[in-house]
C-alpha atoms as a PDB file:
ATOM      1  CA  MET A   1      -7.070 -16.973  12.126  1.00  0.00           C
ATOM      2  CA  LYS A   2      -5.349 -20.343  12.175  1.00  0.00           C
ATOM      3  CA  LYS A   3      -2.011 -18.642  12.671  1.00  0.00           C
ATOM      4  CA  ILE A   4      -3.342 -16.795  15.715  1.00  0.00           C
ATOM      5  CA  ILE A   5      -4.709 -19.948  17.316  1.00  0.00           C
ATOM      6  CA  LEU A   6      -1.460 -21.759  16.607  1.00  0.00           C
ATOM      7  CA  SER A   7       0.365 -18.878  18.285  1.00  0.00           C
ATOM      8  CA  LEU A   8      -1.709 -19.445  21.400  1.00  0.00           C
ATOM      9  CA  CYS A   9      -0.844 -23.112  21.275  1.00  0.00           C
ATOM     10  CA  ALA A  10       2.819 -22.196  20.886  1.00  0.00           C
ATOM     11  CA  ALA A  11       2.511 -19.999  23.965  1.00  0.00           C
ATOM     12  CA  ALA A  12       1.112 -22.966  25.866  1.00  0.00           C
ATOM     13  CA  LEU A  13       4.007 -25.100  24.652  1.00  0.00           C
ATOM     14  CA  THR A  14       6.438 -22.481  25.925  1.00  0.00           C
ATOM     15  CA  LEU A  15       4.697 -22.561  29.297  1.00  0.00           C
ATOM     16  CA  GLY A  16       5.156 -26.322  29.417  1.00  0.00           C
ATOM     17  CA  ILE A  17       8.879 -26.057  28.693  1.00  0.00           C
ATOM     18  CA  THR A  18       9.722 -23.204  31.039  1.00  0.00           C
ATOM     19  CA  ALA A  19       7.455 -23.826  34.004  1.00  0.00           C
ATOM     20  CA  CYS A  20       8.030 -27.601  34.080  1.00  0.00           C
ATOM     21  CA  GLY A  21       4.711 -28.144  35.825  1.00  0.00           C
ATOM     22  CA  ASP A  22       3.797 -27.834  39.498  1.00  0.00           C
ATOM     23  CA  LYS A  23       6.274 -30.530  40.476  1.00  0.00           C
ATOM     24  CA  ALA A  24       9.290 -28.567  39.240  1.00  0.00           C
ATOM     25  CA  GLN A  25       8.018 -25.302  40.642  1.00  0.00           C
ATOM     26  CA  ASN A  26       7.368 -26.648  44.117  1.00  0.00           C
ATOM     27  CA  GLY A  27      10.401 -28.895  44.233  1.00  0.00           C
ATOM     28  CA  ASN A  28      12.848 -26.100  45.064  1.00  0.00           C
ATOM     29  CA  ALA A  29      13.291 -25.950  48.839  1.00  0.00           C
ATOM     30  CA  ASP A  30      14.759 -22.432  48.613  1.00  0.00           C
ATOM     31  CA  THR A  31      11.559 -20.963  47.173  1.00  0.00           C
ATOM     32  CA  THR A  32      10.326 -18.290  49.552  1.00  0.00           C
ATOM     33  CA  ALA A  33       6.707 -17.646  50.320  1.00  0.00           C
ATOM     34  CA  GLN A  34       7.016 -14.285  48.597  1.00  0.00           C
ATOM     35  CA  GLU A  35       8.453 -15.882  45.451  1.00  0.00           C
ATOM     36  CA  LYS A  36       5.749 -18.533  45.433  1.00  0.00           C
ATOM     37  CA  ALA A  37       3.028 -15.907  45.839  1.00  0.00           C
ATOM     38  CA  LEU A  38       4.457 -13.863  42.983  1.00  0.00           C
ATOM     39  CA  GLY A  39       4.852 -16.987  40.868  1.00  0.00           C
ATOM     40  CA  ASP A  40       1.248 -17.969  41.579  1.00  0.00           C
ATOM     41  CA  SER A  41       0.056 -14.479  40.630  1.00  0.00           C
ATOM     42  CA  LEU A  42       2.039 -14.654  37.415  1.00  0.00           C
ATOM     43  CA  SER A  43       0.637 -18.107  36.638  1.00  0.00           C
ATOM     44  CA  VAL A  44      -2.932 -16.960  37.251  1.00  0.00           C
ATOM     45  CA  ALA A  45      -2.527 -13.801  35.185  1.00  0.00           C
ATOM     46  CA  TYR A  46      -0.946 -15.739  32.323  1.00  0.00           C
ATOM     47  CA  GLY A  47      -3.651 -18.401  32.422  1.00  0.00           C
ATOM     48  CA  GLU A  48      -6.402 -15.769  32.437  1.00  0.00           C
ATOM     49  CA  PHE A  49      -4.738 -13.907  29.579  1.00  0.00           C
ATOM     50  CA  ILE A  50      -4.474 -17.059  27.455  1.00  0.00           C
ATOM     51  CA  ALA A  51      -8.064 -18.048  28.287  1.00  0.00           C
ATOM     52  CA  ALA A  52      -9.508 -14.631  27.424  1.00  0.00           C
ATOM     53  CA  HIS A  53      -7.749 -14.506  24.085  1.00  0.00           C
ATOM     54  CA  ALA A  54      -8.491 -18.165  23.371  1.00  0.00           C
ATOM     55  CA  ASN A  55     -12.181 -17.476  23.949  1.00  0.00           C
ATOM     56  CA  GLN A  56     -12.088 -14.535  21.572  1.00  0.00           C
ATOM     57  CA  MET A  57     -10.202 -16.427  18.889  1.00  0.00           C
ATOM     58  CA  ILE A  58     -12.448 -19.476  19.155  1.00  0.00           C
ATOM     59  CA  ASP A  59     -15.560 -17.301  18.788  1.00  0.00           C
ATOM     60  CA  GLN A  60     -14.096 -15.748  15.643  1.00  0.00           C
ATOM     61  CA  GLN A  61     -13.096 -19.166  14.326  1.00  0.00           C
ATOM     62  CA  MET A  62     -16.578 -20.549  14.954  1.00  0.00           C
ATOM     63  CA  ALA A  63     -18.088 -17.763  12.868  1.00  0.00           C
ATOM     64  CA  GLN A  64     -16.101 -19.025   9.868  1.00  0.00           C
ATOM     65  CA  LEU A  65     -17.111 -22.679  10.213  1.00  0.00           C
ATOM     66  CA  SER A  66     -19.965 -24.444   8.487  1.00  0.00           C
ATOM     67  CA  GLU A  67     -22.810 -25.826  10.580  1.00  0.00           C
ATOM     68  CA  GLU A  68     -21.420 -29.338  10.137  1.00  0.00           C
ATOM     69  CA  GLN A  69     -17.942 -28.257  11.274  1.00  0.00           C
ATOM     70  CA  LYS A  70     -19.407 -26.512  14.311  1.00  0.00           C
ATOM     71  CA  LYS A  71     -20.920 -29.811  15.458  1.00  0.00           C
ATOM     72  CA  HIS A  72     -17.424 -31.290  15.787  1.00  0.00           C
ATOM     73  CA  PHE A  73     -15.811 -28.249  17.410  1.00  0.00           C
ATOM     74  CA  ASN A  74     -15.632 -28.970  21.137  1.00  0.00           C
ATOM     75  CA  ARG A  75     -14.203 -26.451  23.596  1.00  0.00           C
ATOM     76  CA  ALA A  76     -13.375 -29.276  25.999  1.00  0.00           C
ATOM     77  CA  ASP A  77     -11.139 -30.806  23.324  1.00  0.00           C
ATOM     78  CA  PHE A  78      -9.293 -27.503  23.078  1.00  0.00           C
ATOM     79  CA  VAL A  79      -8.650 -27.490  26.845  1.00  0.00           C
ATOM     80  CA  ARG A  80      -7.606 -31.147  26.817  1.00  0.00           C
ATOM     81  CA  GLY A  81      -5.104 -30.517  24.051  1.00  0.00           C
ATOM     82  CA  LEU A  82      -3.680 -27.470  25.804  1.00  0.00           C
ATOM     83  CA  LYS A  83      -3.269 -29.357  29.096  1.00  0.00           C
ATOM     84  CA  ALA A  84      -1.575 -32.283  27.365  1.00  0.00           C
ATOM     85  CA  ILE A  85       1.309 -29.978  26.531  1.00  0.00           C
ATOM     86  CA  ALA A  86       1.259 -27.393  29.333  1.00  0.00           C
ATOM     87  CA  GLU A  87       1.477 -30.107  32.045  1.00  0.00           C
ATOM     88  CA  ARG A  88       4.097 -32.222  30.298  1.00  0.00           C
ATOM     89  CA  ASP A  89       7.506 -32.730  31.910  1.00  0.00           C
ATOM     90  CA  THR A  90      10.364 -31.149  29.950  1.00  0.00           C
ATOM     91  CA  ALA A  91      12.271 -34.436  30.111  1.00  0.00           C
ATOM     92  CA  ASN A  92      10.251 -35.421  27.065  1.00  0.00           C
ATOM     93  CA  ILE A  93      11.179 -32.345  25.052  1.00  0.00           C
ATOM     94  CA  ALA A  94      11.377 -34.382  21.817  1.00  0.00           C
ATOM     95  CA  TYR A  95       7.649 -35.111  22.166  1.00  0.00           C
ATOM     96  CA  ILE A  96       6.891 -31.415  22.602  1.00  0.00           C
ATOM     97  CA  MET A  97       8.975 -30.554  19.537  1.00  0.00           C
ATOM     98  CA  GLY A  98       7.060 -33.215  17.623  1.00  0.00           C
ATOM     99  CA  VAL A  99       3.747 -31.686  18.687  1.00  0.00           C
ATOM    100  CA  GLN A 100       4.925 -28.265  17.551  1.00  0.00           C
ATOM    101  CA  THR A 101       5.921 -29.673  14.158  1.00  0.00           C
ATOM    102  CA  GLY A 102       2.624 -31.532  14.016  1.00  0.00           C
ATOM    103  CA  PHE A 103       0.728 -28.274  14.442  1.00  0.00           C
ATOM    104  CA  GLN A 104       2.663 -26.774  11.540  1.00  0.00           C
ATOM    105  CA  ILE A 105       1.983 -29.824   9.363  1.00  0.00           C
ATOM    106  CA  TRP A 106      -1.697 -29.818  10.316  1.00  0.00           C
ATOM    107  CA  GLY A 107      -2.107 -26.134   9.494  1.00  0.00           C
ATOM    108  CA  ALA A 108      -0.480 -26.470   6.079  1.00  0.00           C
ATOM    109  CA  ALA A 109      -2.313 -29.694   5.239  1.00  0.00           C
ATOM    110  CA  LYS A 110      -5.678 -28.096   6.034  1.00  0.00           C
ATOM    111  CA  GLN A 111      -4.990 -25.076   3.830  1.00  0.00           C
ATOM    112  CA  MET A 112      -3.524 -26.840   0.792  1.00  0.00           C
ATOM    113  CA  PRO A 113      -6.737 -28.464  -0.555  1.00  0.00           C
ATOM    114  CA  GLU A 114      -8.537 -25.122  -0.467  1.00  0.00           C
ATOM    115  CA  GLN A 115      -5.613 -23.206  -1.954  1.00  0.00           C
ATOM    116  CA  PHE A 116      -4.537 -25.686  -4.631  1.00  0.00           C
ATOM    117  CA  LYS A 117      -7.843 -27.499  -5.313  1.00  0.00           C
ATOM    118  CA  VAL A 118      -6.207 -30.933  -4.934  1.00  0.00           C
ATOM    119  CA  PRO A 119      -6.601 -33.489  -2.103  1.00  0.00           C
ATOM    120  CA  VAL A 120      -3.764 -33.717   0.416  1.00  0.00           C
ATOM    121  CA  SER A 121      -3.443 -37.022   2.288  1.00  0.00           C
ATOM    122  CA  ALA A 122      -2.149 -36.879   5.859  1.00  0.00           C
ATOM    123  CA  SER A 123      -1.219 -40.577   5.774  1.00  0.00           C
ATOM    124  CA  THR A 124       0.733 -40.203   2.513  1.00  0.00           C
ATOM    125  CA  MET A 125       2.487 -37.148   3.890  1.00  0.00           C
ATOM    126  CA  LEU A 126       3.425 -38.957   7.123  1.00  0.00           C
ATOM    127  CA  LYS A 127       4.790 -41.948   5.210  1.00  0.00           C
ATOM    128  CA  ALA A 128       7.033 -39.617   3.240  1.00  0.00           C
ATOM    129  CA  PHE A 129       8.043 -37.940   6.509  1.00  0.00           C
ATOM    130  CA  ASP A 130       8.960 -41.281   8.110  1.00  0.00           C
ATOM    131  CA  LYS A 131      11.000 -42.345   5.093  1.00  0.00           C
ATOM    132  CA  VAL A 132      13.203 -39.249   5.120  1.00  0.00           C
ATOM    133  CA  PHE A 133      13.261 -38.625   8.885  1.00  0.00           C
ATOM    134  CA  ASN A 134      14.447 -42.151   9.664  1.00  0.00           C
ATOM    135  CA  ALA A 135      16.829 -42.516   6.721  1.00  0.00           C
ATOM    136  CA  ASP A 136      20.514 -43.142   7.468  1.00  0.00           C
ATOM    137  CA  SER A 137      21.374 -40.152   5.299  1.00  0.00           C
ATOM    138  CA  ILE A 138      19.179 -37.646   3.501  1.00  0.00           C
ATOM    139  CA  GLY A 139      21.876 -35.840   1.540  1.00  0.00           C
ATOM    140  CA  ASP A 140      21.309 -32.180   0.782  1.00  0.00           C
ATOM    141  CA  ALA A 141      18.119 -30.923   2.464  1.00  0.00           C
ATOM    142  CA  TYR A 142      17.975 -28.129  -0.119  1.00  0.00           C
ATOM    143  CA  MET A 143      17.068 -30.737  -2.747  1.00  0.00           C
ATOM    144  CA  TYR A 144      13.847 -31.549  -0.861  1.00  0.00           C
ATOM    145  CA  GLN A 145      13.044 -27.873  -0.476  1.00  0.00           C
ATOM    146  CA  MET A 146      13.418 -27.225  -4.200  1.00  0.00           C
ATOM    147  CA  ASN A 147      11.329 -30.273  -5.072  1.00  0.00           C
ATOM    148  CA  PHE A 148       8.556 -29.108  -2.730  1.00  0.00           C
ATOM    149  CA  GLN A 149       8.644 -25.574  -4.132  1.00  0.00           C
ATOM    150  CA  ASN A 150       8.478 -26.847  -7.727  1.00  0.00           C
ATOM    151  CA  ILE A 151       5.513 -29.114  -7.039  1.00  0.00           C
ATOM    152  CA  MET A 152       3.800 -26.433  -4.963  1.00  0.00           C
ATOM    153  CA  SER A 153       4.152 -24.000  -7.891  1.00  0.00           C
ATOM    154  CA  ARG A 154       2.523 -26.554 -10.193  1.00  0.00           C
ATOM    155  CA  ALA A 155      -0.276 -27.109  -7.698  1.00  0.00           C
ATOM    156  CA  GLU A 156      -0.772 -23.370  -7.251  1.00  0.00           C
ATOM    157  CA  GLN A 157      -1.079 -22.864 -11.005  1.00  0.00           C
ATOM    158  CA  TYR A 158      -3.521 -25.768 -11.231  1.00  0.00           C
ATOM    159  CA  GLY A 159      -5.560 -24.325  -8.370  1.00  0.00           C
ATOM    160  CA  LYS A 160      -5.811 -20.927 -10.048  1.00  0.00           C
ATOM    161  CA  GLU A 161      -6.837 -22.487 -13.349  1.00  0.00           C
ATOM    162  CA  LYS A 162      -9.492 -24.621 -11.682  1.00  0.00           C
ATOM    163  CA  GLU A 163     -10.831 -21.688  -9.692  1.00  0.00           C
ATOM    164  CA  ASN A 164     -10.972 -19.569 -12.848  1.00  0.00           C
ATOM    165  CA  GLN A 165     -12.920 -22.320 -14.601  1.00  0.00           C
ATOM    166  CA  LEU A 166     -15.469 -22.269 -11.788  1.00  0.00           C
ATOM    167  CA  LEU A 167     -15.692 -18.488 -11.922  1.00  0.00           C
ATOM    168  CA  GLU A 168     -16.088 -18.551 -15.715  1.00  0.00           C
ATOM    169  CA  SER A 169     -19.140 -20.792 -15.387  1.00  0.00           C
ATOM    170  CA  ALA A 170     -20.921 -18.422 -13.005  1.00  0.00           C
ATOM    171  CA  PRO A 171     -24.068 -16.857 -14.566  1.00  0.00           C
ATOM    172  CA  GLU A 172     -22.895 -13.274 -14.038  1.00  0.00           C
ATOM    173  CA  ALA A 173     -19.552 -13.962 -15.700  1.00  0.00           C
ATOM    174  CA  ILE A 174     -21.221 -15.627 -18.689  1.00  0.00           C
ATOM    175  CA  GLU A 175     -23.707 -12.767 -19.066  1.00  0.00           C
ATOM    176  CA  ASN A 176     -21.066 -10.041 -18.775  1.00  0.00           C
ATOM    177  CA  LYS A 177     -18.842 -11.717 -21.354  1.00  0.00           C
ATOM    178  CA  ALA A 178     -21.688 -12.045 -23.854  1.00  0.00           C
ATOM    179  CA  LYS A 179     -22.850  -8.454 -23.377  1.00  0.00           C
ATOM    180  CA  GLY A 180     -19.309  -7.133 -23.709  1.00  0.00           C
ATOM    181  CA  ALA A 181     -18.630  -9.071 -26.897  1.00  0.00           C
ATOM    182  CA  ALA A 182     -21.902  -7.891 -28.445  1.00  0.00           C
ATOM    183  CA  TYR A 183     -21.107  -4.280 -27.532  1.00  0.00           C
ATOM    184  CA  ALA A 184     -17.594  -4.420 -29.039  1.00  0.00           C
ATOM    185  CA  ASP A 185     -18.879  -6.139 -32.179  1.00  0.00           C
ATOM    186  CA  SER A 186     -21.532  -3.455 -32.656  1.00  0.00           C
ATOM    187  CA  LEU A 187     -18.869  -0.727 -32.577  1.00  0.00           C
ATOM    188  CA  VAL A 188     -16.593  -2.479 -35.058  1.00  0.00           C
ATOM    189  CA  ALA A 189     -19.567  -3.073 -37.359  1.00  0.00           C
ATOM    190  CA  THR A 190     -20.013   0.690 -37.807  1.00  0.00           C
ATOM    191  CA  GLY A 191     -16.645   0.890 -39.559  1.00  0.00           C
ATOM    192  CA  ASN A 192     -15.496   3.721 -37.283  1.00  0.00           C
ATOM    193  CA  TRP A 193     -13.742   1.544 -34.748  1.00  0.00           C
ATOM    194  CA  THR A 194     -10.670  -0.693 -35.033  1.00  0.00           C
ATOM    195  CA  ARG A 195     -10.106  -4.042 -33.335  1.00  0.00           C
ATOM    196  CA  ALA A 196      -6.488  -4.890 -32.483  1.00  0.00           C
ATOM    197  CA  GLU A 197      -5.113  -8.421 -32.412  1.00  0.00           C
ATOM    198  CA  SER A 198      -5.327  -8.395 -28.605  1.00  0.00           C
ATOM    199  CA  GLY A 199      -9.086  -7.756 -28.785  1.00  0.00           C
ATOM    200  CA  LEU A 200      -8.792  -4.065 -27.885  1.00  0.00           C
ATOM    201  CA  VAL A 201     -11.369  -1.980 -29.758  1.00  0.00           C
ATOM    202  CA  TYR A 202     -10.514   1.686 -30.176  1.00  0.00           C
ATOM    203  CA  GLN A 203     -11.400   4.943 -31.875  1.00  0.00           C
ATOM    204  CA  ILE A 204      -8.733   7.659 -32.073  1.00  0.00           C
ATOM    205  CA  THR A 205     -10.197  11.160 -32.214  1.00  0.00           C
ATOM    206  CA  ASN A 206      -6.785  12.888 -32.099  1.00  0.00           C
ATOM    207  CA  PRO A 207      -3.540  10.908 -32.536  1.00  0.00           C
ATOM    208  CA  GLY A 208      -1.458  13.727 -30.998  1.00  0.00           C
ATOM    209  CA  GLU A 209       1.837  15.146 -32.191  1.00  0.00           C
ATOM    210  CA  GLY A 210       5.236  13.477 -32.353  1.00  0.00           C
ATOM    211  CA  GLU A 211       6.138   9.944 -31.296  1.00  0.00           C
ATOM    212  CA  THR A 212       3.636   7.730 -29.579  1.00  0.00           C
ATOM    213  CA  VAL A 213       4.029   6.875 -25.897  1.00  0.00           C
ATOM    214  CA  LYS A 214       6.718   4.300 -25.051  1.00  0.00           C
ATOM    215  CA  ASN A 215       6.943   1.959 -22.073  1.00  0.00           C
ATOM    216  CA  ASN A 216       9.477   4.048 -20.163  1.00  0.00           C
ATOM    217  CA  ASP A 217       7.855   7.428 -20.840  1.00  0.00           C
ATOM    218  CA  ARG A 218       6.522   9.468 -17.943  1.00  0.00           C
ATOM    219  CA  ILE A 219       3.204  10.927 -18.993  1.00  0.00           C
ATOM    220  CA  LYS A 220       0.448  13.235 -17.832  1.00  0.00           C
ATOM    221  CA  LEU A 221      -2.791  11.332 -18.347  1.00  0.00           C
ATOM    222  CA  ARG A 222      -6.487  12.082 -18.099  1.00  0.00           C
ATOM    223  CA  TYR A 223      -9.085   9.339 -18.300  1.00  0.00           C
ATOM    224  CA  LYS A 224     -12.669   8.376 -17.567  1.00  0.00           C
ATOM    225  CA  GLY A 225     -13.642   4.749 -17.016  1.00  0.00           C
ATOM    226  CA  MET A 226     -17.155   3.531 -17.800  1.00  0.00           C
ATOM    227  CA  HIS A 227     -19.254   0.405 -17.979  1.00  0.00           C
ATOM    228  CA  ILE A 228     -20.697  -0.391 -21.399  1.00  0.00           C
ATOM    229  CA  ASP A 229     -23.965   1.270 -20.352  1.00  0.00           C
ATOM    230  CA  GLY A 230     -22.083   4.556 -19.930  1.00  0.00           C
ATOM    231  CA  THR A 231     -22.043   4.566 -16.122  1.00  0.00           C
ATOM    232  CA  GLU A 232     -18.796   6.087 -14.841  1.00  0.00           C
ATOM    233  CA  PHE A 233     -16.794   4.108 -12.259  1.00  0.00           C
ATOM    234  CA  ASP A 234     -13.499   6.032 -12.177  1.00  0.00           C
ATOM    235  CA  ALA A 235     -11.858   9.185 -13.550  1.00  0.00           C
ATOM    236  CA  THR A 236      -9.096  11.704 -13.080  1.00  0.00           C
ATOM    237  CA  ARG A 237     -10.438  14.916 -11.622  1.00  0.00           C
ATOM    238  CA  ASP A 238      -8.981  18.416 -11.468  1.00  0.00           C
ATOM    239  CA  GLU A 239      -5.428  17.544 -12.481  1.00  0.00           C
ATOM    240  CA  ALA A 240      -3.973  15.039 -14.926  1.00  0.00           C
ATOM    241  CA  MET A 241      -2.276  11.955 -13.445  1.00  0.00           C
ATOM    242  CA  THR A 242       1.504  11.753 -13.777  1.00  0.00           C
ATOM    243  CA  THR A 243       2.396   8.124 -14.304  1.00  0.00           C
ATOM    244  CA  TYR A 244       3.967   5.452 -16.522  1.00  0.00           C
ATOM    245  CA  PRO A 245       2.120   3.343 -19.153  1.00  0.00           C
ATOM    246  CA  GLY A 246       3.072   0.005 -17.611  1.00  0.00           C
ATOM    247  CA  ARG A 247       1.274   0.654 -14.339  1.00  0.00           C
ATOM    248  CA  PHE A 248      -2.140  -0.229 -15.709  1.00  0.00           C
ATOM    249  CA  ILE A 249      -4.078  -3.294 -16.833  1.00  0.00           C
ATOM    250  CA  PRO A 250      -2.838  -4.625 -20.222  1.00  0.00           C
ATOM    251  CA  GLY A 251      -5.570  -3.204 -22.433  1.00  0.00           C
ATOM    252  CA  PHE A 252      -5.304   0.252 -20.901  1.00  0.00           C
ATOM    253  CA  THR A 253      -1.526   0.294 -21.408  1.00  0.00           C
ATOM    254  CA  GLU A 254      -2.015  -0.778 -25.025  1.00  0.00           C
ATOM    255  CA  GLY A 255      -4.475   2.053 -25.571  1.00  0.00           C
ATOM    256  CA  ILE A 256      -2.138   4.666 -24.089  1.00  0.00           C
ATOM    257  CA  LYS A 257       0.659   3.588 -26.428  1.00  0.00           C
ATOM    258  CA  LEU A 258      -1.535   4.305 -29.478  1.00  0.00           C
ATOM    259  CA  LEU A 259      -1.286   8.025 -28.780  1.00  0.00           C
ATOM    260  CA  ALA A 260       1.288  10.821 -28.839  1.00  0.00           C
ATOM    261  CA  LYS A 261       1.337  14.072 -26.865  1.00  0.00           C
ATOM    262  CA  GLY A 262      -2.100  15.674 -26.979  1.00  0.00           C
ATOM    263  CA  GLY A 263      -3.706  12.487 -28.289  1.00  0.00           C
ATOM    264  CA  LYS A 264      -7.248  11.425 -27.416  1.00  0.00           C
ATOM    265  CA  ALA A 265      -9.061   8.120 -27.894  1.00  0.00           C
ATOM    266  CA  THR A 266     -11.854   5.946 -26.624  1.00  0.00           C
ATOM    267  CA  ILE A 267     -10.860   2.349 -25.951  1.00  0.00           C
ATOM    268  CA  VAL A 268     -12.936  -0.728 -25.197  1.00  0.00           C
ATOM    269  CA  LEU A 269     -11.287  -3.482 -23.164  1.00  0.00           C
ATOM    270  CA  PRO A 270     -12.578  -7.075 -23.166  1.00  0.00           C
ATOM    271  CA  ALA A 271     -12.199  -8.745 -19.767  1.00  0.00           C
ATOM    272  CA  ASP A 272      -9.146 -10.798 -20.740  1.00  0.00           C
ATOM    273  CA  ILE A 273      -7.089  -7.605 -21.168  1.00  0.00           C
ATOM    274  CA  ALA A 274      -8.854  -5.836 -18.285  1.00  0.00           C
ATOM    275  CA  TYR A 275      -9.725  -7.370 -14.892  1.00  0.00           C
ATOM    276  CA  GLY A 276     -10.605 -10.847 -16.121  1.00  0.00           C
ATOM    277  CA  VAL A 277     -13.051 -13.261 -14.595  1.00  0.00           C
ATOM    278  CA  ARG A 278     -12.303 -12.053 -11.071  1.00  0.00           C
ATOM    279  CA  GLY A 279     -13.254  -8.457 -11.771  1.00  0.00           C
ATOM    280  CA  SER A 280     -12.343  -5.780  -9.251  1.00  0.00           C
ATOM    281  CA  ASP A 281     -14.782  -5.429  -6.368  1.00  0.00           C
ATOM    282  CA  PRO A 282     -16.965  -3.604  -5.860  1.00  0.00           C
ATOM    283  CA  LYS A 283     -17.117  -1.604  -9.081  1.00  0.00           C
ATOM    284  CA  ILE A 284     -16.155  -4.086 -11.791  1.00  0.00           C
ATOM    285  CA  GLY A 285     -17.870  -7.427 -12.186  1.00  0.00           C
ATOM    286  CA  PRO A 286     -16.496 -10.747 -13.489  1.00  0.00           C
ATOM    287  CA  ASN A 287     -15.673 -10.834 -17.212  1.00  0.00           C
ATOM    288  CA  GLU A 288     -16.810  -7.251 -17.620  1.00  0.00           C
ATOM    289  CA  THR A 289     -15.906  -5.244 -20.721  1.00  0.00           C
ATOM    290  CA  LEU A 290     -14.795  -1.695 -19.901  1.00  0.00           C
ATOM    291  CA  VAL A 291     -14.757   1.601 -21.799  1.00  0.00           C
ATOM    292  CA  PHE A 292     -12.185   4.360 -21.256  1.00  0.00           C
ATOM    293  CA  GLU A 293     -11.844   7.844 -22.649  1.00  0.00           C
ATOM    294  CA  ILE A 294      -8.140   8.733 -22.496  1.00  0.00           C
ATOM    295  CA  GLU A 295      -6.054  11.810 -23.191  1.00  0.00           C
ATOM    296  CA  ILE A 296      -2.253  12.135 -23.160  1.00  0.00           C
ATOM    297  CA  GLU A 297      -1.863  15.682 -21.900  1.00  0.00           C
ATOM    298  CA  ASP A 298       1.920  15.579 -22.027  1.00  0.00           C
ATOM    299  CA  ILE A 299       4.970  13.315 -22.346  1.00  0.00           C
ATOM    300  CA  LEU A 300       7.527  14.445 -19.785  1.00  0.00           C
END
């Protein structure tokens, strides 16, 4: 959404650069009445087009704002900002370029705290900008790019970890994890199931014949996926799936590789080797343990 609104602003900036305002348009003595009429029609149509789309985009943006944010969203401010650029003389093109860059900075700065879960200070960012922009020499610009990418990667990893911590503390995630662990433990306690080092719990009813499946094998696979209460959420149907072991979640791949051609097993996947704390909407909840019946029909 922000990108779309910024695109509208960019269109307004382009209008300011190319049209040069009423003064430039009317200052040409050779302009014919026909040209002026066509130019006026073009100006009106363009203005109406921008306004119609701006209205639509603003309505969509408003729907995403909190009640507090809506209080500070003023349509008159939008118009004032647009006019500040659209009516500007192109003699001050450096100012217009600065506004364009400012929009880009603003958009990124607004998204970073939500994406990375760390505060981003506009004043600190602008001080850093001034230092480099006004330096006598900045050396290799690539150095700054690499530094930004490295720090952004760190921030992105931190943001994911922090978000996962919040998701882990959600009641549904806590409940699903506890139920899944209890279910897996109850199977292992019977003595008929094996728990691998990864946490995968499995029972092989037919190991199959020959060598077990390898990473680069192409296989024909049948499976049925279930919640721990036995409810089915996914399955192959009339024909076996032709695929490769590495195309699945880690626990499922591990289970496939336990079997050879013709092999059958039931595997139980804790969330950390399945879909994790994020789950997979709408069928699989956060931290949910999953059960699969699998059969290797053939190794091609």
